[in-house]
Amino acid sequence: MGKLIIVPTPIGNLEDITLRALRVLKEVDCILAEDTRTSGKLLKHFEISSPLKSFHKFNEHQRVDSIIEELQQDATYALISDAGTPGISDPGFLLIRACIEHKVEVECLPGATAFVPALVNSGLPTDRFLFEGFLPQKKGRQTRLKELATEPRTIVLYESPYRLVKTLKQLHEFWGNRQASVSRELTKMYEENARGTLVELEKHFSQKTVKGEIVIVVAGYQE
């Protein structure tokens, strides 16, 4: 029986990949990548020549069964996403669940993920928090915002730079003018961690062009 190894990759700064991750990527029979073009650049930088196969949200349902068959024949595969840890707002859950169901060993390496540094850097309570990921874009969005309005834990969200200002406005509308933090371009040259109230952050980001992956951290509900 083979093995599936979940390998986090840098969210920006290439120095954030671990020595163990590099060794695993060099040793496996195949690397399953969310985007082979993006991952190809990473592998070329570290002189890794392991074969690449695409595995993303548009083909994962079709690919799972064949991958399981290969893993059952003693193949060792690594799963990577474009950045960060697979399975965290990225493909991975379906394959990991299938491996567990078919008694295929799964190993997950520790490593980069965007929400942890954003949460720690926010200055908001970290002892208890809720990772919400991406809110629904359309259907169910307002319902979810209402459900979270009385959540007492610190709330962590992912967002697109194109929807950031609109989302900050909605958070203020549904949750009130709470303390929050917005992190973008984490680990990169133009990293920004902006802190303040939701109104202050909305004003700040409405006056500039926003780029990069976004993590929003919002204080929990207080009576």
Protein backbone atom coordinates (compact mmCIF):
# COMPACT_ATOMS: atom_id res chain seq x y z
CA MET A 1 0.00 0.00 0.00
CA GLY A 2 1.29 3.44 -0.91
CA LYS A 3 1.00 6.77 0.83
CA LEU A 4 -0.37 10.26 0.24
CA ILE A 5 1.75 13.05 1.71
CA ILE A 6 0.24 16.54 2.10
CA VAL A 7 2.99 19.10 1.50
CA PRO A 8 2.50 22.82 2.29
CA THR A 9 4.26 25.21 -0.07
CA PRO A 10 5.23 28.87 0.49
CA ILE A 11 2.48 31.50 0.37
CA GLY A 12 4.95 33.99 -1.05
CA ASN A 13 8.50 33.87 0.28
CA LEU A 14 10.24 30.76 -1.11
CA GLU A 15 12.42 30.56 2.00
CA ASP A 16 9.36 29.38 3.94
CA ILE A 17 9.43 25.87 2.50
CA THR A 18 10.81 23.29 4.94
CA LEU A 19 13.79 21.00 4.39
CA ARG A 20 11.48 18.06 4.95
CA ALA A 21 9.06 19.28 2.28
CA LEU A 22 11.90 19.58 -0.24
CA ARG A 23 13.09 16.05 0.52
CA VAL A 24 9.59 14.60 0.18
CA LEU A 25 8.95 16.37 -3.13
CA LYS A 26 12.19 14.94 -4.52
CA GLU A 27 11.47 11.38 -3.33
CA VAL A 28 7.79 10.81 -4.26
CA ASP A 29 6.66 8.98 -7.39
CA CYS A 30 4.40 11.85 -8.42
CA ILE A 31 3.29 15.31 -7.29
CA LEU A 32 -0.39 16.23 -7.56
CA ALA A 33 -0.54 20.00 -8.17
CA GLU A 34 -3.42 22.47 -8.25
CA ASP A 35 -1.80 24.29 -11.19
CA THR A 36 1.14 22.53 -12.84
CA ARG A 37 2.39 25.81 -14.32
CA THR A 38 2.57 27.53 -10.92
CA SER A 39 4.05 24.49 -9.19
CA GLY A 40 6.45 23.91 -12.08
CA LYS A 41 8.14 27.22 -11.32
CA LEU A 42 8.51 26.24 -7.65
CA LEU A 43 9.97 22.83 -8.50
CA LYS A 44 12.35 24.32 -11.06
CA HIS A 45 13.61 26.82 -8.47
CA PHE A 46 14.49 23.99 -6.09
CA GLU A 47 15.72 21.65 -8.88
CA ILE A 48 13.02 19.03 -8.24
CA SER A 49 12.26 16.76 -11.19
CA SER A 50 9.46 14.54 -9.83
CA PRO A 51 6.56 14.06 -12.30
CA LEU A 52 3.62 16.45 -12.01
CA LYS A 53 -0.09 15.73 -12.46
CA SER A 54 -2.92 18.26 -12.24
CA PHE A 55 -5.38 17.95 -9.37
CA HIS A 56 -7.73 20.89 -8.90
CA LYS A 57 -11.33 21.70 -8.00
CA PHE A 58 -12.50 21.18 -11.59
CA ASN A 59 -11.13 17.65 -12.00
CA GLU A 60 -10.77 16.25 -8.46
CA HIS A 61 -14.06 14.34 -8.58
CA GLN A 62 -12.96 12.59 -11.79
CA ARG A 63 -9.39 11.92 -10.65
CA VAL A 64 -9.91 10.55 -7.13
CA ASP A 65 -10.70 6.92 -8.08
CA SER A 66 -7.72 6.51 -10.42
CA ILE A 67 -5.36 8.09 -7.88
CA ILE A 68 -6.62 5.75 -5.16
CA GLU A 69 -5.91 2.76 -7.46
CA GLU A 70 -2.35 3.99 -8.02
CA LEU A 71 -1.80 4.55 -4.29
CA GLN A 72 -3.07 1.03 -3.58
CA GLN A 73 -0.32 -0.25 -5.88
CA ASP A 74 2.44 1.10 -3.62
CA ALA A 75 2.81 4.53 -5.25
CA THR A 76 3.75 7.46 -3.01
CA TYR A 77 2.18 10.75 -4.02
CA ALA A 78 2.61 14.29 -2.71
CA LEU A 79 -0.32 16.71 -2.85
CA ILE A 80 0.43 20.43 -3.14
CA SER A 81 -1.67 23.52 -3.88
CA ASP A 82 -0.61 26.79 -5.48
CA ALA A 83 0.32 28.15 -2.06
CA GLY A 84 -0.09 27.14 1.57
CA THR A 85 -1.51 23.91 2.96
CA PRO A 86 -3.76 21.76 0.70
CA GLY A 87 -7.27 21.29 2.07
CA ILE A 88 -7.43 24.76 3.63
CA SER A 89 -9.66 26.60 1.13
CA ASP A 90 -7.85 24.55 -1.54
CA PRO A 91 -8.42 21.10 -3.10
CA GLY A 92 -7.49 18.13 -0.93
CA PHE A 93 -10.40 17.14 1.28
CA LEU A 94 -12.01 14.73 -1.21
CA LEU A 95 -8.78 12.84 -1.86
CA ILE A 96 -7.79 12.69 1.80
CA ARG A 97 -11.22 11.34 2.75
CA ALA A 98 -11.05 8.74 -0.03
CA CYS A 99 -7.60 7.63 1.12
CA ILE A 100 -8.85 7.14 4.67
CA GLU A 101 -11.87 5.17 3.42
CA HIS A 102 -9.61 2.88 1.36
CA LYS A 103 -7.04 2.41 4.15
CA VAL A 104 -4.35 4.37 2.30
CA GLU A 105 -1.93 6.07 4.68
CA VAL A 106 -2.10 9.87 4.78
CA GLU A 107 0.66 12.04 6.22
CA CYS A 108 0.42 15.83 6.51
CA LEU A 109 3.56 17.92 6.87
CA PRO A 110 3.44 21.14 8.90
CA GLY A 111 4.08 24.34 7.03
CA ALA A 112 2.86 27.58 5.55
CA THR A 113 -0.75 28.71 5.70
CA ALA A 114 -1.98 32.30 5.44
CA PHE A 115 -4.47 32.60 8.28
CA VAL A 116 -2.10 31.78 11.17
CA PRO A 117 0.33 34.72 10.73
CA ALA A 118 -2.60 37.03 9.93
CA LEU A 119 -4.41 36.00 13.12
CA VAL A 120 -1.34 36.30 15.34
CA ASN A 121 -0.41 39.64 13.76
CA SER A 122 -3.90 41.10 14.21
CA GLY A 123 -3.55 41.81 17.92
CA LEU A 124 -7.01 40.28 18.46
CA PRO A 125 -7.59 37.35 20.87
CA THR A 126 -6.05 34.12 19.57
CA ASP A 127 -7.01 31.75 22.40
CA ARG A 128 -10.30 30.91 20.67
CA PHE A 129 -11.04 31.68 17.03
CA LEU A 130 -13.29 30.60 14.16
CA PHE A 131 -11.76 30.00 10.74
CA GLU A 132 -14.59 30.70 8.29
CA GLY A 133 -12.57 30.77 5.06
CA PHE A 134 -14.43 32.32 2.11
CA LEU A 135 -17.97 33.51 2.73
CA PRO A 136 -20.55 32.42 0.12
CA GLN A 137 -20.27 34.83 -2.81
CA LYS A 138 -24.00 35.11 -3.48
CA LYS A 139 -26.55 32.59 -2.25
CA GLY A 140 -26.46 32.25 1.52
CA ARG A 141 -24.03 35.11 2.11
CA GLN A 142 -26.38 37.32 4.13
CA THR A 143 -27.70 34.31 6.03
CA ARG A 144 -24.17 33.33 7.05
CA LEU A 145 -23.32 36.89 8.07
CA LYS A 146 -26.40 36.97 10.32
CA GLU A 147 -25.47 33.60 11.85
CA LEU A 148 -21.97 34.83 12.67
CA ALA A 149 -23.17 38.15 14.14
CA THR A 150 -23.23 36.75 17.72
CA GLU A 151 -20.13 34.54 17.40
CA PRO A 152 -17.96 35.43 20.44
CA ARG A 153 -14.69 34.07 19.05
CA THR A 154 -12.31 35.99 16.80
CA ILE A 155 -13.40 35.36 13.19
CA VAL A 156 -10.93 34.71 10.35
CA LEU A 157 -12.02 35.17 6.72
CA TYR A 158 -10.39 34.83 3.32
CA GLU A 159 -11.36 37.30 0.61
CA SER A 160 -10.54 38.35 -2.93
CA PRO A 161 -8.89 41.77 -3.35
CA TYR A 162 -11.71 42.70 -5.75
CA ARG A 163 -14.37 42.17 -3.07
CA LEU A 164 -12.45 43.46 -0.04
CA VAL A 165 -14.06 46.91 0.30
CA LYS A 166 -17.56 45.54 -0.31
CA THR A 167 -17.00 42.81 2.29
CA LEU A 168 -15.70 45.25 4.91
CA LYS A 169 -18.83 47.34 4.35
CA GLN A 170 -21.06 44.26 4.76
CA LEU A 171 -19.25 43.17 7.93
CA HIS A 172 -19.88 46.62 9.41
CA GLU A 173 -23.52 46.47 8.33
CA PHE A 174 -24.20 43.05 9.88
CA TRP A 175 -21.76 43.00 12.83
CA GLY A 176 -21.30 46.63 13.81
CA ASN A 177 -18.11 48.68 13.78
CA ARG A 178 -15.74 46.16 15.38
CA GLN A 179 -11.98 46.10 15.64
CA ALA A 180 -10.43 44.18 12.77
CA SER A 181 -7.27 43.54 10.79
CA VAL A 182 -6.62 43.05 7.08
CA SER A 183 -3.47 41.26 5.95
CA ARG A 184 -2.37 40.98 2.34
CA GLU A 185 0.72 39.89 0.41
CA LEU A 186 1.86 37.96 3.49
CA THR A 187 5.59 37.04 3.51
CA LYS A 188 6.15 39.09 0.33
CA MET A 189 8.00 42.36 -0.24
CA TYR A 190 4.84 44.51 -0.06
CA GLU A 191 3.23 42.77 2.92
CA GLU A 192 0.61 44.92 4.63
CA ASN A 193 -1.14 44.42 7.97
CA ALA A 194 -3.73 47.16 8.47
CA ARG A 195 -5.55 47.38 11.81
CA GLY A 196 -8.48 49.49 13.00
CA THR A 197 -12.26 49.50 13.01
CA LEU A 198 -14.17 48.08 10.06
CA VAL A 199 -15.11 51.62 9.01
CA GLU A 200 -11.48 52.77 9.16
CA LEU A 201 -10.33 49.76 7.15
CA GLU A 202 -13.04 50.26 4.53
CA LYS A 203 -11.94 53.88 4.10
CA HIS A 204 -8.25 52.88 3.95
CA PHE A 205 -8.67 50.26 1.24
CA SER A 206 -11.22 52.23 -0.81
CA GLN A 207 -8.49 54.80 -1.47
CA LYS A 208 -5.99 52.39 -3.06
CA THR A 209 -5.67 49.56 -5.55
CA VAL A 210 -5.70 46.29 -3.61
CA LYS A 211 -3.66 43.30 -4.76
CA GLY A 212 -2.77 39.91 -3.33
CA GLU A 213 -4.51 37.29 -1.24
CA ILE A 214 -6.51 38.78 1.64
CA VAL A 215 -7.06 37.61 5.23
CA ILE A 216 -9.60 39.51 7.32
CA VAL A 217 -9.57 39.03 11.11
CA VAL A 218 -12.52 40.46 13.06
CA ALA A 219 -13.12 40.72 16.80
CA GLY A 220 -15.86 38.43 18.14
CA TYR A 221 -19.22 39.58 19.44
CA GLN A 222 -19.36 41.19 22.86
CA GLU A 223 -22.55 42.09 24.70
